[in-house]
Protein backbone atom coordinates (compact mmCIF):
# COMPACT_ATOMS: atom_id res chain seq x y z
CA MET A 1 -13.40 -32.42 -2.43
CA THR A 2 -11.56 -31.96 0.86
CA GLN A 3 -13.60 -31.98 4.01
CA ALA A 4 -11.10 -29.67 5.73
CA ALA A 5 -11.64 -26.94 3.13
CA LEU A 6 -15.42 -27.36 3.24
CA ASP A 7 -15.45 -27.12 7.04
CA GLN A 8 -13.20 -24.05 7.03
CA PHE A 9 -15.21 -22.26 4.36
CA THR A 10 -18.46 -23.09 6.18
CA GLN A 11 -17.10 -21.55 9.37
CA ARG A 12 -16.16 -18.33 7.57
CA VAL A 13 -19.43 -18.12 5.69
CA THR A 14 -21.29 -18.48 8.99
CA GLU A 15 -19.20 -15.64 10.45
CA ILE A 16 -20.22 -13.49 7.48
CA TYR A 17 -23.89 -14.34 7.10
CA GLY A 18 -24.93 -15.71 10.49
CA ASP A 19 -27.94 -17.99 10.17
CA ALA A 20 -29.56 -15.96 7.41
CA GLN A 21 -28.27 -18.20 4.61
CA ASN A 22 -27.71 -21.85 3.75
CA ASN A 23 -24.10 -21.56 4.79
CA GLN A 24 -22.93 -25.01 3.83
CA GLN A 25 -24.38 -24.60 0.35
CA ILE A 26 -22.51 -21.29 -0.03
CA ALA A 27 -19.32 -22.95 1.20
CA ARG A 28 -19.78 -25.80 -1.30
CA GLU A 29 -20.10 -23.27 -4.13
CA ILE A 30 -16.86 -21.56 -3.03
CA LEU A 31 -15.13 -24.95 -2.87
CA THR A 32 -16.41 -25.76 -6.38
CA ILE A 33 -14.93 -22.46 -7.65
CA CYS A 34 -11.61 -23.37 -5.99
CA GLN A 35 -11.67 -26.84 -7.51
CA CYS A 36 -12.24 -25.39 -10.99
CA PHE A 37 -9.26 -23.08 -10.45
CA ALA A 38 -7.12 -25.99 -9.23
CA ASP A 39 -8.05 -28.13 -12.24
CA LYS A 40 -7.36 -25.29 -14.67
CA THR A 41 -3.93 -24.50 -13.20
CA SER A 42 -2.86 -28.11 -12.54
CA ARG A 43 -3.02 -27.61 -8.79
CA SER A 44 -4.96 -29.44 -6.14
CA VAL A 45 -7.13 -28.40 -3.23
CA LEU A 46 -4.93 -29.34 -0.28
CA GLU A 47 -6.13 -31.84 2.30
CA VAL A 48 -4.51 -29.73 5.00
CA PRO A 49 -4.31 -25.89 4.81
CA THR A 50 -0.89 -24.25 4.49
CA ALA A 51 0.68 -23.63 7.88
CA THR A 52 0.88 -20.11 9.25
CA GLY A 53 4.67 -20.26 9.38
CA HIS A 54 5.04 -21.09 5.66
CA LYS A 55 7.95 -18.92 4.38
CA ARG A 56 6.66 -16.32 1.94
CA TRP A 57 9.34 -13.59 1.90
CA SER A 58 12.97 -12.62 2.49
CA GLU A 59 15.27 -9.59 2.52
CA GLU A 60 15.36 -9.79 -1.30
CA ASP A 61 11.72 -8.74 -1.59
CA ILE A 62 11.38 -5.14 -2.74
CA ILE A 63 8.23 -3.89 -4.46
CA LEU A 64 7.92 -1.10 -7.01
CA ILE A 65 4.51 0.64 -7.06
CA THR A 66 3.53 1.99 -10.48
CA TYR A 67 0.64 2.62 -12.81
CA GLY A 68 0.59 0.64 -16.00
CA ASN A 69 1.03 3.89 -17.95
CA SER A 70 3.49 5.72 -15.65
CA VAL A 71 6.13 5.54 -18.41
CA GLN A 72 5.03 5.71 -22.01
CA THR A 73 6.26 6.41 -25.49
CA ALA A 74 4.64 7.01 -28.86
CA ASP A 75 3.47 4.03 -30.89
CA GLU A 76 3.88 1.51 -28.07
CA MET A 77 1.51 0.16 -25.48
CA PRO A 78 2.41 1.56 -22.03
CA LEU A 79 2.62 -1.87 -20.39
CA LYS A 80 5.23 -2.88 -22.99
CA THR A 81 7.16 0.33 -22.28
CA LEU A 82 6.92 -0.31 -18.55
CA SER A 83 8.12 -3.89 -19.00
CA ASP A 84 11.18 -2.70 -20.92
CA PHE A 85 11.93 0.04 -18.36
CA LEU A 86 11.73 -2.43 -15.47
CA ARG A 87 13.90 -5.00 -17.20
CA GLU A 88 16.54 -2.50 -18.38
CA ARG A 89 16.71 -0.25 -15.33
CA LEU A 90 15.61 -2.30 -12.32
CA ALA A 91 16.25 -6.00 -12.94
CA ASP A 92 18.81 -6.24 -10.12
CA VAL A 93 17.12 -3.65 -7.88
CA ILE A 94 13.59 -4.95 -7.25
CA ASN A 95 11.95 -8.35 -7.55
CA SER A 96 8.27 -7.37 -7.36
CA VAL A 97 5.97 -4.91 -9.12
CA HIS A 98 2.63 -3.58 -7.96
CA ILE A 99 0.83 -2.48 -11.10
CA LEU A 100 -2.03 -0.31 -9.91
CA PRO A 101 -5.41 -1.16 -11.50
CA PHE A 102 -4.78 -1.69 -15.18
CA PHE A 103 -8.36 -2.53 -16.10
CA PRO A 104 -10.83 -0.45 -18.12
CA TYR A 105 -12.07 2.30 -15.79
CA SER A 106 -14.23 5.42 -15.76
CA SER A 107 -12.57 7.56 -13.05
CA ASP A 108 -10.09 7.72 -10.16
CA ASP A 109 -7.19 6.53 -12.32
CA GLY A 110 -8.29 2.91 -12.31
CA PHE A 111 -10.17 2.46 -9.05
CA SER A 112 -13.60 2.62 -10.69
CA VAL A 113 -13.37 -0.67 -12.56
CA ILE A 114 -15.55 -1.24 -15.62
CA ASP A 115 -14.34 -4.79 -16.30
CA TYR A 116 -12.31 -6.79 -13.76
CA ARG A 117 -11.08 -9.35 -16.28
CA GLN A 118 -9.83 -7.12 -19.09
CA VAL A 119 -6.68 -5.06 -19.49
CA HIS A 120 -7.24 -1.42 -20.41
CA PRO A 121 -7.20 -1.53 -24.24
CA ASP A 122 -5.06 1.63 -24.43
CA TRP A 123 -2.44 0.11 -22.13
CA GLY A 124 -1.88 -3.39 -23.48
CA THR A 125 -2.96 -6.99 -23.06
CA TRP A 126 -2.73 -9.83 -20.55
CA GLU A 127 0.29 -10.98 -22.58
CA ASP A 128 2.02 -7.69 -21.65
CA VAL A 129 1.16 -8.27 -18.00
CA ALA A 130 2.51 -11.81 -18.29
CA SER A 131 5.81 -10.51 -19.69
CA ILE A 132 6.24 -8.46 -16.51
CA ALA A 133 5.21 -11.42 -14.35
CA ASP A 134 7.86 -13.52 -16.11
CA ASN A 135 10.59 -11.28 -14.67
CA PHE A 136 9.07 -9.91 -11.47
CA ASP A 137 6.62 -11.05 -8.83
CA LEU A 138 3.32 -9.34 -9.51
CA MET A 139 0.89 -7.52 -7.20
CA ILE A 140 -2.64 -6.99 -8.50
CA ASP A 141 -5.41 -4.93 -6.92
CA LEU A 142 -8.69 -6.58 -6.10
CA VAL A 143 -10.92 -3.49 -6.07
CA ILE A 144 -13.44 -5.25 -3.91
CA ASN A 145 -15.58 -2.56 -2.28
CA HIS A 146 -17.02 -0.84 -5.36
CA CYS A 147 -17.14 -0.80 -9.14
CA SER A 148 -17.73 1.77 -11.85
CA ARG A 149 -21.26 2.80 -12.70
CA GLU A 150 -20.28 1.77 -16.26
CA ASN A 151 -19.65 -1.79 -15.09
CA LEU A 152 -22.07 -4.24 -16.75
CA TRP A 153 -23.25 -5.38 -13.31
CA PHE A 154 -24.49 -1.86 -12.61
CA ILE A 155 -25.95 -1.40 -16.08
CA ASP A 156 -27.91 -4.62 -15.60
CA TYR A 157 -28.99 -3.37 -12.16
CA ILE A 158 -30.36 -0.20 -13.78
CA GLY A 159 -32.16 -2.37 -16.34
CA ASN A 160 -33.71 -4.50 -13.57
CA ARG A 161 -32.11 -7.67 -14.90
CA GLU A 162 -31.52 -10.63 -12.61
CA PRO A 163 -29.41 -11.51 -10.73
CA TYR A 164 -27.97 -7.99 -10.65
CA THR A 165 -30.93 -6.27 -8.97
CA ASP A 166 -29.39 -7.20 -5.62
CA TYR A 167 -25.72 -6.50 -6.43
CA PHE A 168 -25.87 -2.97 -5.01
CA ILE A 169 -27.23 -1.33 -1.88
CA GLU A 170 -30.35 0.79 -2.05
CA VAL A 171 -31.13 3.15 0.84
CA ASP A 172 -34.09 5.45 1.38
CA PRO A 173 -32.60 8.98 1.17
CA ALA A 174 -34.51 9.91 4.35
CA THR A 175 -32.43 7.36 6.31
CA ASP A 176 -30.01 8.74 8.89
CA VAL A 177 -26.54 7.69 7.68
CA SER A 178 -24.57 10.14 9.81
CA LEU A 179 -22.79 7.35 11.75
CA VAL A 180 -21.18 5.97 8.58
CA THR A 181 -17.43 6.70 8.44
CA ARG A 182 -16.62 8.78 5.35
CA PRO A 183 -13.22 8.97 3.63
CA ARG A 184 -14.55 11.73 1.35
CA ASN A 185 -16.75 14.79 1.67
CA THR A 186 -19.15 13.74 -1.12
CA PRO A 187 -22.70 12.48 -0.36
CA LEU A 188 -22.88 8.83 0.74
CA LEU A 189 -26.02 8.12 -1.30
CA THR A 190 -26.18 8.92 -4.99
CA PRO A 191 -29.46 9.02 -7.01
CA VAL A 192 -29.70 6.69 -9.99
CA HIS A 193 -32.41 6.53 -12.67
CA THR A 194 -33.43 2.87 -13.09
CA HIS A 195 -36.22 1.03 -14.87
CA ARG A 196 -37.95 0.99 -11.46
CA GLY A 197 -37.65 4.74 -11.01
CA VAL A 198 -35.09 6.77 -9.08
CA ARG A 199 -33.13 4.78 -6.52
CA HIS A 200 -30.44 5.97 -4.09
CA VAL A 201 -27.42 3.69 -3.95
CA TRP A 202 -24.50 3.51 -1.56
CA ALA A 203 -21.34 5.19 -2.88
CA THR A 204 -18.59 5.52 -0.28
CA PHE A 205 -15.97 7.17 -2.49
CA SER A 206 -17.75 8.96 -5.35
CA GLU A 207 -20.92 8.93 -7.41
CA ASP A 208 -18.98 6.94 -10.05
CA GLN A 209 -17.83 4.26 -7.56
CA ILE A 210 -20.86 2.26 -6.48
CA ASP A 211 -20.47 -0.01 -3.46
CA LEU A 212 -21.22 -3.71 -3.92
CA ASN A 213 -23.64 -5.66 -1.76
CA PHE A 214 -21.74 -8.49 -0.08
CA ALA A 215 -24.87 -9.42 1.87
CA ASN A 216 -25.75 -11.16 -1.41
CA PRO A 217 -23.62 -14.35 -1.68
CA GLU A 218 -23.64 -14.04 -5.47
CA VAL A 219 -21.42 -10.97 -5.11
CA LEU A 220 -19.03 -12.96 -2.93
CA PHE A 221 -18.88 -15.71 -5.58
CA GLU A 222 -18.07 -13.12 -8.28
CA PHE A 223 -15.09 -11.83 -6.32
CA VAL A 224 -13.78 -15.26 -5.37
CA LYS A 225 -13.69 -16.05 -9.10
CA ILE A 226 -11.93 -12.75 -9.92
CA TYR A 227 -9.47 -13.29 -7.04
CA LEU A 228 -8.48 -16.70 -8.37
CA PHE A 229 -8.39 -15.39 -11.94
CA TYR A 230 -5.71 -12.86 -10.89
CA ILE A 231 -3.70 -15.64 -9.27
CA GLU A 232 -4.06 -17.61 -12.49
CA GLN A 233 -2.58 -14.59 -14.31
CA GLY A 234 0.54 -14.75 -12.14
CA ALA A 235 -0.28 -12.61 -9.11
CA ARG A 236 1.91 -13.38 -6.08
CA PHE A 237 0.45 -10.49 -4.04
CA ILE A 238 -3.24 -9.59 -3.93
CA ARG A 239 -4.03 -6.13 -2.55
CA LEU A 240 -7.55 -5.78 -1.14
CA ASP A 241 -8.39 -2.18 -1.96
CA ALA A 242 -10.57 -0.19 0.48
CA VAL A 243 -11.57 -3.47 2.10
CA ALA A 244 -12.34 -1.90 5.49
CA PHE A 245 -15.62 -0.52 4.11
CA LEU A 246 -16.84 -3.83 2.63
CA TRP A 247 -19.76 -4.72 4.94
CA LYS A 248 -22.60 -2.26 5.52
CA GLN A 249 -24.94 -2.22 8.49
CA LEU A 250 -27.01 0.87 9.19
CA GLY A 251 -26.64 2.17 12.72
CA THR A 252 -22.88 1.44 12.71
CA THR A 253 -19.79 3.15 11.33
CA CYS A 254 -19.73 0.51 8.55
CA LEU A 255 -15.97 0.34 9.09
CA HIS A 256 -14.06 -2.79 10.20
CA LEU A 257 -17.25 -4.72 10.88
CA SER A 258 -16.82 -8.35 11.97
CA GLN A 259 -18.27 -9.55 8.66
CA THR A 260 -15.53 -7.63 6.82
CA HIS A 261 -12.82 -9.34 8.86
CA ALA A 262 -14.49 -12.72 8.21
CA ALA A 263 -14.49 -12.05 4.45
CA VAL A 264 -10.75 -11.30 4.52
CA LYS A 265 -10.17 -14.49 6.52
CA LEU A 266 -12.12 -16.43 3.89
CA LEU A 267 -9.86 -15.07 1.13
CA ARG A 268 -6.84 -16.06 3.23
CA ASP A 269 -8.33 -19.55 3.74
CA ILE A 270 -8.77 -19.95 -0.01
CA VAL A 271 -5.08 -19.38 -0.80
CA ASN A 272 -4.12 -21.57 2.16
CA PHE A 273 -5.86 -24.43 0.36
CA VAL A 274 -5.08 -23.75 -3.31
CA ALA A 275 -2.26 -21.17 -3.69
CA PRO A 276 0.08 -21.13 -0.67
CA GLU A 277 2.60 -18.84 -2.41
CA VAL A 278 0.12 -15.94 -2.52
CA VAL A 279 0.33 -13.05 -0.05
CA VAL A 280 -2.90 -11.25 0.92
CA ILE A 281 -2.49 -7.54 1.72
CA THR A 282 -5.15 -5.26 3.19
CA GLU A 283 -5.25 -1.57 2.31
CA THR A 284 -6.77 0.23 5.31
CA ASN A 285 -5.83 3.90 5.65
CA VAL A 286 -6.91 4.21 9.29
CA PRO A 287 -5.37 4.74 12.75
CA VAL A 288 -2.67 2.27 13.74
CA LYS A 289 -4.64 0.01 16.11
CA GLU A 290 -7.45 -0.41 13.57
CA ASN A 291 -4.95 -1.14 10.83
CA LEU A 292 -3.17 -3.86 12.81
CA SER A 293 -6.50 -5.59 13.52
CA TYR A 294 -6.36 -7.02 9.97
CA PHE A 295 -3.69 -9.49 11.04
CA GLY A 296 -6.47 -11.23 12.99
CA ASN A 297 -4.97 -14.15 14.91
CA SER A 298 -2.46 -14.85 12.14
CA ASP A 299 -5.46 -15.96 10.10
CA GLU A 300 -6.34 -12.82 8.16
CA ALA A 301 -4.03 -10.60 6.07
CA HIS A 302 -0.46 -11.77 5.62
CA MET A 303 0.57 -8.12 5.35
CA VAL A 304 -0.80 -4.70 6.25
CA TYR A 305 0.40 -1.31 5.10
CA GLN A 306 2.38 0.77 7.60
CA PHE A 307 0.16 3.79 7.10
CA GLY A 308 1.67 5.62 10.05
CA LEU A 309 5.15 5.59 8.50
CA PRO A 310 4.78 8.22 5.69
CA PRO A 311 3.37 11.08 7.78
CA LEU A 312 5.65 10.37 10.76
CA VAL A 313 8.82 10.21 8.65
CA LEU A 314 7.82 13.41 6.87
CA HIS A 315 7.05 15.09 10.18
CA ALA A 316 10.42 14.08 11.64
CA LEU A 317 12.32 15.51 8.67
CA ASN A 318 10.16 18.63 8.44
CA ARG A 319 10.54 19.44 12.13
CA GLY A 320 14.04 18.05 12.68
CA ASN A 321 12.71 15.96 15.54
CA ALA A 322 12.47 12.15 15.51
CA SER A 323 10.73 11.77 18.88
CA PHE A 324 7.22 11.03 17.57
CA LEU A 325 8.58 8.64 14.93
CA SER A 326 10.73 6.86 17.52
CA ASP A 327 7.85 6.57 20.02
CA TRP A 328 5.58 5.11 17.36
CA ALA A 329 8.18 2.64 16.11
CA ASP A 330 9.00 1.58 19.67
CA ALA A 331 5.32 0.87 20.37
CA ILE A 332 4.75 -1.34 17.33
CA PRO A 333 3.70 -4.72 18.74
CA PRO A 334 5.58 -7.91 17.80
CA LEU A 335 4.46 -9.32 14.49
CA PRO A 336 2.08 -12.28 14.64
CA GLU A 337 3.49 -15.49 13.18
CA GLY A 338 3.43 -15.53 9.39
CA CYS A 339 2.65 -11.81 9.14
CA SER A 340 4.59 -8.74 8.10
CA TYR A 341 4.30 -5.07 7.18
CA LEU A 342 4.38 -3.40 3.82
CA ASN A 343 6.49 -0.29 4.39
CA PHE A 344 6.16 2.76 2.17
CA THR A 345 6.62 6.51 2.26
CA ALA A 346 4.71 7.37 -0.91
CA SER A 347 2.12 5.84 -3.18
CA HIS A 348 -0.50 6.82 -5.74
CA ASP A 349 -2.55 8.19 -2.84
CA GLY A 350 -1.65 11.17 -0.74
CA ILE A 351 0.08 11.09 2.64
CA GLY A 352 -2.63 9.98 5.04
CA VAL A 353 -3.42 12.09 8.08
CA ARG A 354 -5.82 9.71 9.85
CA PRO A 355 -3.05 7.20 10.70
CA VAL A 356 -1.41 9.73 13.04
CA GLU A 357 -4.56 10.29 15.11
CA GLY A 358 -3.43 9.90 18.70
CA LEU A 359 0.25 9.93 17.63
CA LEU A 360 0.79 13.56 16.60
CA PRO A 361 -0.80 16.51 18.44
CA GLU A 362 -3.26 18.45 16.27
CA ARG A 363 -0.96 21.48 16.24
CA GLU A 364 1.85 19.33 14.80
CA VAL A 365 -0.45 17.97 12.09
CA GLN A 366 -1.60 21.48 11.20
CA ASP A 367 1.98 22.78 11.09
CA LEU A 368 2.89 19.95 8.71
CA ILE A 369 -0.13 20.70 6.50
CA ASP A 370 0.78 24.40 6.43
CA SER A 371 4.33 23.50 5.41
CA MET A 372 3.10 21.23 2.61
CA HIS A 373 0.88 24.06 1.33
CA ARG A 374 4.01 26.24 1.06
CA PHE A 375 5.69 23.47 -0.96
CA GLY A 376 2.85 23.36 -3.49
CA GLY A 377 0.70 20.63 -1.95
CA PHE A 378 -3.01 20.32 -1.23
CA VAL A 379 -5.08 18.67 1.47
CA SER A 380 -8.13 16.43 0.88
CA MET A 381 -10.92 16.50 3.45
CA LYS A 382 -13.27 13.88 4.86
CA ALA A 383 -16.79 14.33 6.18
CA ASN A 384 -17.44 13.75 9.90
CA SER A 385 -20.65 12.52 11.53
CA ASP A 386 -21.33 15.98 13.06
CA GLY A 387 -21.34 17.60 9.63
CA SER A 388 -17.85 19.05 9.93
CA GLU A 389 -14.83 18.25 7.79
CA SER A 390 -11.29 17.29 8.79
CA PRO A 391 -8.03 16.55 6.91
CA TYR A 392 -7.84 13.10 5.33
CA GLU A 393 -4.64 13.18 3.28
CA ILE A 394 -1.98 15.56 1.99
CA ASN A 395 -1.61 15.59 -1.79
CA ILE A 396 2.00 16.25 -2.79
CA THR A 397 4.91 14.29 -4.22
CA LEU A 398 7.23 13.09 -1.50
CA PHE A 399 10.21 14.62 -3.30
CA ASP A 400 8.69 18.10 -3.15
CA ALA A 401 7.42 17.46 0.37
CA CYS A 402 11.11 17.23 1.30
CA MET A 403 12.13 20.54 -0.27
CA GLY A 404 12.48 22.18 3.14
CA THR A 405 11.44 22.35 6.76
CA ARG A 406 8.77 24.30 8.54
CA ARG A 407 11.08 27.29 8.15
CA GLY A 408 10.75 27.03 4.37
CA PRO A 409 12.65 25.61 1.37
CA ASP A 410 16.40 25.02 1.57
CA HIS A 411 19.21 23.29 -0.34
CA HIS A 412 18.88 19.90 1.41
CA GLN A 413 16.00 18.50 -0.68
CA VAL A 414 17.83 15.52 -2.20
CA GLN A 415 19.56 14.54 1.06
CA ARG A 416 16.36 14.92 3.07
CA PHE A 417 14.43 12.82 0.57
CA LEU A 418 17.07 10.06 0.53
CA CYS A 419 16.98 10.05 4.32
CA SER A 420 13.22 9.34 4.18
CA GLN A 421 13.90 6.36 1.93
CA ALA A 422 16.75 5.02 4.06
CA ILE A 423 14.52 5.11 7.15
CA MET A 424 11.79 3.22 5.33
CA LEU A 425 14.20 0.62 3.95
CA ALA A 426 15.51 -0.20 7.43
CA MET A 427 12.06 -0.85 8.94
CA GLN A 428 10.87 -4.36 9.67
CA GLY A 429 8.75 -5.57 6.76
CA ILE A 430 8.85 -5.47 2.96
CA PRO A 431 9.66 -2.08 1.40
CA ALA A 432 7.53 -0.69 -1.42
CA VAL A 433 8.95 2.20 -3.45
CA TYR A 434 6.64 4.36 -5.57
CA ILE A 435 7.96 4.97 -9.08
CA HIS A 436 7.70 8.73 -8.48
CA SER A 437 9.99 8.40 -5.50
CA LEU A 438 12.48 6.46 -7.58
CA THR A 439 12.40 9.19 -10.23
CA ALA A 440 12.24 12.17 -7.81
CA SER A 441 9.12 13.44 -9.54
CA PRO A 442 8.14 17.04 -8.73
CA ASN A 443 4.57 18.17 -8.16
CA ASP A 444 2.58 17.77 -11.37
CA LEU A 445 0.39 20.88 -11.14
CA GLU A 446 -0.38 20.71 -14.86
CA HIS A 447 -1.93 17.28 -14.34
CA VAL A 448 -4.03 18.67 -11.46
CA GLU A 449 -5.27 21.44 -13.74
CA GLN A 450 -6.14 18.93 -16.48
CA THR A 451 -8.09 16.53 -14.24
CA GLY A 452 -9.44 18.87 -11.59
CA ARG A 453 -8.28 16.37 -8.94
CA THR A 454 -5.63 17.23 -6.38
CA ARG A 455 -4.51 13.59 -6.24
CA SER A 456 -3.16 13.96 -9.78
CA ILE A 457 -0.26 15.95 -8.35
CA ASN A 458 1.43 12.65 -7.52
CA ARG A 459 0.44 10.69 -10.62
CA ARG A 460 2.72 12.06 -13.33
CA ILE A 461 2.89 10.21 -16.63
CA TRP A 462 6.49 10.29 -17.81
CA GLU A 463 7.36 10.41 -21.49
CA GLU A 464 10.07 7.77 -21.78
CA HIS A 465 12.51 9.97 -23.72
CA GLU A 466 12.20 12.78 -21.15
CA LEU A 467 12.65 10.40 -18.22
CA GLU A 468 15.63 8.66 -19.82
CA TYR A 469 17.24 12.04 -20.50
CA LEU A 470 16.80 13.12 -16.87
CA LEU A 471 18.07 9.80 -15.49
CA SER A 472 21.08 9.83 -17.78
CA ASN A 473 22.09 13.41 -16.96
CA PRO A 474 24.08 13.26 -13.70
CA VAL A 475 23.38 16.90 -12.76
CA THR A 476 19.60 16.39 -12.45
CA PRO A 477 17.96 15.56 -9.11
CA GLN A 478 16.23 12.67 -10.88
CA ALA A 479 19.57 11.08 -11.77
CA GLU A 480 21.02 11.78 -8.33
CA VAL A 481 18.08 10.22 -6.53
CA PHE A 482 17.69 7.28 -8.91
CA THR A 483 21.40 6.40 -8.73
CA GLU A 484 21.65 6.61 -4.95
CA LEU A 485 18.29 5.03 -4.15
CA THR A 486 18.87 2.05 -6.46
CA ARG A 487 22.31 1.63 -4.85
CA MET A 488 20.68 1.53 -1.41
CA LEU A 489 18.13 -1.00 -2.60
CA ARG A 490 20.84 -3.31 -3.95
CA ILE A 491 22.74 -3.11 -0.67
CA ARG A 492 19.60 -3.77 1.35
CA ARG A 493 18.72 -6.92 -0.58
CA ALA A 494 21.99 -8.55 0.49
CA GLN A 495 21.54 -8.12 4.27
CA PRO A 496 19.98 -10.97 6.32
CA ALA A 497 19.32 -8.47 9.13
CA PHE A 498 16.83 -6.75 6.82
CA SER A 499 14.70 -9.86 6.40
CA PRO A 500 11.04 -9.08 7.15
CA ASP A 501 11.26 -11.63 9.95
CA ALA A 502 14.47 -10.19 11.47
CA ARG A 503 14.10 -8.60 14.89
CA GLN A 504 13.67 -4.84 15.22
CA ASP A 505 14.57 -2.70 18.26
CA VAL A 506 14.31 1.06 18.56
CA VAL A 507 17.18 2.89 20.26
CA LYS A 508 16.31 6.29 21.73
CA ILE A 509 19.26 8.64 22.31
CA ASN A 510 17.95 12.09 21.47
CA THR A 511 15.45 13.79 19.16
CA ASP A 512 18.07 14.39 16.44
CA LEU A 513 18.42 10.71 15.58
CA PHE A 514 16.15 7.90 14.48
CA ILE A 515 17.87 4.62 15.30
CA LEU A 516 16.85 1.04 14.55
CA LYS A 517 18.73 -2.08 15.49
CA ARG A 518 17.97 -5.03 13.22
CA THR A 519 19.16 -8.55 14.08
CA SER A 520 19.10 -11.45 11.62
CA GLU A 521 17.09 -14.52 12.51
CA ASP A 522 20.23 -16.58 13.12
CA ASN A 523 21.85 -13.72 15.13
CA SER A 524 24.81 -13.62 12.73
CA GLN A 525 24.28 -10.00 11.63
CA ARG A 526 23.43 -6.81 13.49
CA ILE A 527 22.71 -3.58 11.68
CA PHE A 528 22.33 -0.21 13.38
CA ALA A 529 20.40 2.07 11.03
CA ILE A 530 21.06 5.61 12.26
CA SER A 531 19.50 8.64 10.59
CA ASN A 532 20.25 12.29 11.29
CA VAL A 533 16.87 14.04 10.81
CA THR A 534 18.35 17.52 11.22
CA GLU A 535 20.18 20.01 9.01
CA ARG A 536 23.12 20.04 11.43
CA ILE A 537 26.38 18.07 11.41
CA LEU A 538 26.34 15.71 14.40
CA LYS A 539 29.52 14.42 16.04
CA LEU A 540 28.77 11.52 18.34
CA PRO A 541 31.57 9.88 20.37
CA LEU A 542 30.91 6.13 20.55
CA ALA A 543 31.50 6.26 24.30
CA THR A 544 28.46 8.51 24.69
CA LEU A 545 26.33 6.31 22.48
CA GLY A 546 26.95 3.23 24.56
CA PHE A 547 25.11 0.76 22.32
CA LEU A 548 27.72 0.91 19.54
CA GLU A 549 30.97 -0.95 19.50
CA ASN A 550 34.17 -0.17 17.62
CA GLY A 551 34.80 -1.76 14.26
CA LEU A 552 31.34 -1.58 12.69
CA SER A 553 31.37 -1.03 8.92
CA ASP A 554 29.05 1.42 7.17
CA LEU A 555 27.23 -0.50 4.46
CA LEU A 556 26.11 2.74 2.78
CA ALA A 557 29.57 4.29 2.52
CA HIS A 558 30.82 4.66 -1.05
CA GLU A 559 34.28 3.59 0.16
CA LYS A 560 34.81 1.02 2.89
CA ARG A 561 34.51 2.81 6.20
CA ILE A 562 34.99 1.42 9.70
CA VAL A 563 33.52 3.45 12.52
CA GLU A 564 35.94 3.91 15.39
CA ASP A 565 35.71 6.24 18.38
CA GLU A 566 33.39 8.80 16.78
CA LEU A 567 30.40 8.78 14.47
CA VAL A 568 30.00 11.87 12.27
CA LEU A 569 26.66 12.38 10.55
CA TYR A 570 26.13 15.09 7.97
CA PRO A 571 22.72 16.74 7.51
CA TYR A 572 20.09 14.09 6.79
CA GLN A 573 22.70 11.36 6.47
CA THR A 574 21.88 7.73 7.25
CA VAL A 575 24.43 5.06 8.12
CA TRP A 576 23.83 1.33 8.23
CA LEU A 577 26.48 0.04 10.64
CA SER A 578 26.98 -3.72 10.43
CA ASN A 579 29.07 -6.18 12.41
CA THR A 580 29.74 -8.25 9.26
């Protein structure tokens, strides 16, 4: 038993529980759980925690986001099909895979977990997960805020069986909960028939997703065990789903409370002592300043999602104006030591609207929403404390979101979409590409009709033979996007200036261009990533640009191209100009 670990855990536990608990006893239990994990995996609990500056990533890190059943075929478990698809199609393109919750679930495509330690029986086994982890670094979701009402913990709560009677949060329905921040427009409290009569329990996201009571240390112990179990199964990245809502305190917003931050710091401390290779990522779909708070003082999340990036990139391409995107990127504060961003433009969720609060004027947000409606999308609403509703996220595939501008659809869809990806790939951080971006998936309105959920529009399940046909047929947009995007990813992985730790500077010339300058850590490589966000051909004499020198080579050119005197950019074209 290391005293350093015990002292650190005791400090965090005290930050969570104050003086209401025997904090050292709780810390000792957490240390015991860590020691059991270390013994089982032939590790040790370190005498000294891993330093903040421990190297955890490089320019070669690229993550694919996918469901376990995003690609399937008859007579084969989807995780096996996915493993084969990744190995055959993407072995030299990505090195990491985020498999969205692949556990038994009752709703929300995995995020209402019935059993945290089992693989969905219709999808495969832990052996199938291990086969993916053998070839790619693995990201696993820790769905930490809530569980399914079919979870055995909740069933035992209903049956009044100890210790589960205190695993969930009961609230008198007459209580004023109007201050609580809501990501949905469903009631916060849901009635449940128990052996003790009707009780109203806290349910932030839906009546099937019941929030857990972290004021009870037993709940904390459960999740520390699950967290380490996922690491034991090969997880290099742990994504803390909906973690911002974790701690509840009536009379507050129940969002980003200090106890929540302390719990994330505790999870970071744990890997610092027993699994230094693991990267902790917080998923907090909130305005930028709130999102960045999860870095703490380089002692909380290793990575946070760049939630502002998807709506701002889409806005720039939809409006043909990069000014808001450039202003946001220019204002991003320097990364704390040992921290980075996870950059994405699309995921299983919609395109969040909350992250652009204070960044885009309301009229610009509404114009974007109106445009997405014309392209077949939907908008999900959230409840406000005054009883009103406001937009929370846009539900649409990114490929179809790029089918036109605010003037309507046009013939630039593929180029505009690839521009969105090139911008994302040049940003400081680790890029994460959603499988439905890679495959240029259109809106799945049939899936929406089947499920009754607008989010299903972006959660297509591909039949392997159909997908392979589309990817193998060069005239399809799927083949065009897949071929070009995988080419870009390969090129990106070879550039030191695209390391997550490489410097980033924003260059502002005009509203037509989004320009990043990336400089490798050793200053040997400079890349100017220049994107034309308009449908016009731009001719830019180098003399007027000023920051560019002659003789830079375009890494994205299909044939070697040296830029001299003038830079010509076709509609939605991106160039990566490098000095090496």
